[in-house]
Amino acid sequence: MKIAAVCQSGLGTSFMVQMNIQNALEEEGANMDEFELSHMDVGSATADAADYFFIEKTLETALSNLPKAKIVLLDSIIDAAETRNKLNKVLDENKISHN
């Protein structure tokens, strides 16, 4: 599964969210070989770039070109617990085993 973290410029914020996703996957005991993680700016986010896009909720309109089902909105990009909870929901919906 491809998961991308997206922010306005594709640098610090999206990288931090990517690291939160990676940490959550590792803590959940997910098989990391099943995942491809990346971070990008809003201009690079195309429907075929990832299966899911984790974004801060204020960027939702900037990504109107993406299917809503692929977008995971974050209220707070620094809240690792929120990222983990929303990631777990994605894992559950896709029947991917985790703790």
Protein backbone atom coordinates (compact mmCIF):
# COMPACT_ATOMS: atom_id res chain seq x y z
CA MET A 1 0.00 0.00 0.00
CA LYS A 2 1.27 3.46 -0.91
CA ILE A 3 0.70 6.17 1.68
CA ALA A 4 1.69 9.78 1.10
CA ALA A 5 1.82 12.67 3.53
CA VAL A 6 1.05 15.96 1.82
CA CYS A 7 1.67 19.56 2.81
CA GLN A 8 1.81 22.88 1.02
CA SER A 9 5.52 22.75 0.15
CA GLY A 10 6.26 19.03 0.56
CA LEU A 11 9.09 19.54 3.01
CA GLY A 12 9.04 19.60 6.81
CA THR A 13 5.40 19.14 7.72
CA SER A 14 4.72 16.29 5.34
CA PHE A 15 7.97 14.59 6.34
CA MET A 16 6.95 14.79 10.00
CA VAL A 17 3.57 13.22 9.21
CA GLN A 18 5.33 10.52 7.17
CA MET A 19 7.53 9.73 10.16
CA ASN A 20 4.46 9.57 12.44
CA ILE A 21 2.87 7.10 10.00
CA GLN A 22 6.04 5.00 9.88
CA ASN A 23 6.32 4.96 13.68
CA ALA A 24 2.66 3.99 14.03
CA LEU A 25 2.99 1.16 11.51
CA GLU A 26 6.05 -0.17 13.34
CA GLU A 27 4.35 0.12 16.75
CA GLU A 28 1.27 -1.66 15.36
CA GLY A 29 3.46 -4.53 14.17
CA ALA A 30 2.51 -4.05 10.53
CA ASN A 31 4.66 -5.74 7.91
CA MET A 32 6.65 -2.77 6.62
CA ASP A 33 7.34 -4.60 3.34
CA GLU A 34 3.66 -4.05 2.48
CA PHE A 35 3.98 -0.25 2.62
CA GLU A 36 5.59 2.47 0.57
CA LEU A 37 5.67 5.79 2.41
CA SER A 38 6.40 9.17 0.87
CA HIS A 39 5.81 12.87 1.36
CA MET A 40 5.02 15.49 -1.26
CA ASP A 41 3.65 18.93 -1.96
CA VAL A 42 0.04 19.53 -2.99
CA GLY A 43 1.02 20.03 -6.65
CA SER A 44 2.56 16.55 -6.82
CA ALA A 45 -0.44 14.76 -5.30
CA THR A 46 -2.13 12.92 -8.15
CA ALA A 47 -4.62 10.09 -7.80
CA ASP A 48 -2.06 7.52 -8.94
CA ALA A 49 0.70 8.75 -6.60
CA ALA A 50 -0.66 6.87 -3.56
CA ASP A 51 -3.51 4.79 -2.22
CA TYR A 52 -4.04 7.21 0.67
CA PHE A 53 -3.06 10.81 1.27
CA PHE A 54 -2.72 12.11 4.84
CA ILE A 55 -3.24 15.87 4.85
CA GLU A 56 -3.98 18.69 7.28
CA LYS A 57 -7.69 19.49 6.98
CA THR A 58 -7.18 23.04 5.69
CA LEU A 59 -5.60 21.62 2.52
CA GLU A 60 -8.64 19.58 1.53
CA THR A 61 -9.79 22.06 -1.11
CA ALA A 62 -6.30 22.18 -2.61
CA LEU A 63 -6.60 18.45 -3.31
CA SER A 64 -10.03 18.45 -4.93
CA ASN A 65 -8.48 16.49 -7.84
CA LEU A 66 -8.17 13.42 -5.58
CA PRO A 67 -10.96 10.97 -4.79
CA LYS A 68 -12.33 11.77 -1.32
CA ALA A 69 -11.99 8.09 -0.36
CA LYS A 70 -8.20 8.42 -0.69
CA ILE A 71 -7.90 11.47 1.57
CA VAL A 72 -7.32 11.15 5.31
CA LEU A 73 -7.88 14.52 6.99
CA LEU A 74 -5.84 15.39 10.06
CA ASP A 75 -7.07 17.99 12.54
CA SER A 76 -3.54 18.36 13.89
CA ILE A 77 -0.43 17.40 11.96
CA ILE A 78 1.61 17.21 15.16
CA ASP A 79 -0.77 14.86 16.97
CA ALA A 80 0.84 11.45 16.51
CA ALA A 81 -2.07 9.77 18.33
CA GLU A 82 -4.59 11.18 15.85
CA THR A 83 -2.43 10.05 12.92
CA ARG A 84 -2.17 6.58 14.44
CA ASN A 85 -5.94 6.34 15.03
CA LYS A 86 -6.74 7.37 11.47
CA LEU A 87 -4.06 5.04 10.11
CA ASN A 88 -5.56 2.16 12.09
CA LYS A 89 -8.92 2.91 10.50
CA VAL A 90 -7.32 2.67 7.04
CA LEU A 91 -5.64 -0.60 8.01
CA ASP A 92 -8.92 -2.02 9.33
CA GLU A 93 -10.85 -0.96 6.21
CA ASN A 94 -8.25 -2.75 4.07
CA LYS A 95 -8.12 -5.81 6.34
CA ILE A 96 -4.40 -5.32 7.03
CA SER A 97 -3.33 -7.04 10.21
CA HIS A 98 -1.95 -4.94 13.06
CA ASN A 99 -1.98 -4.90 16.87
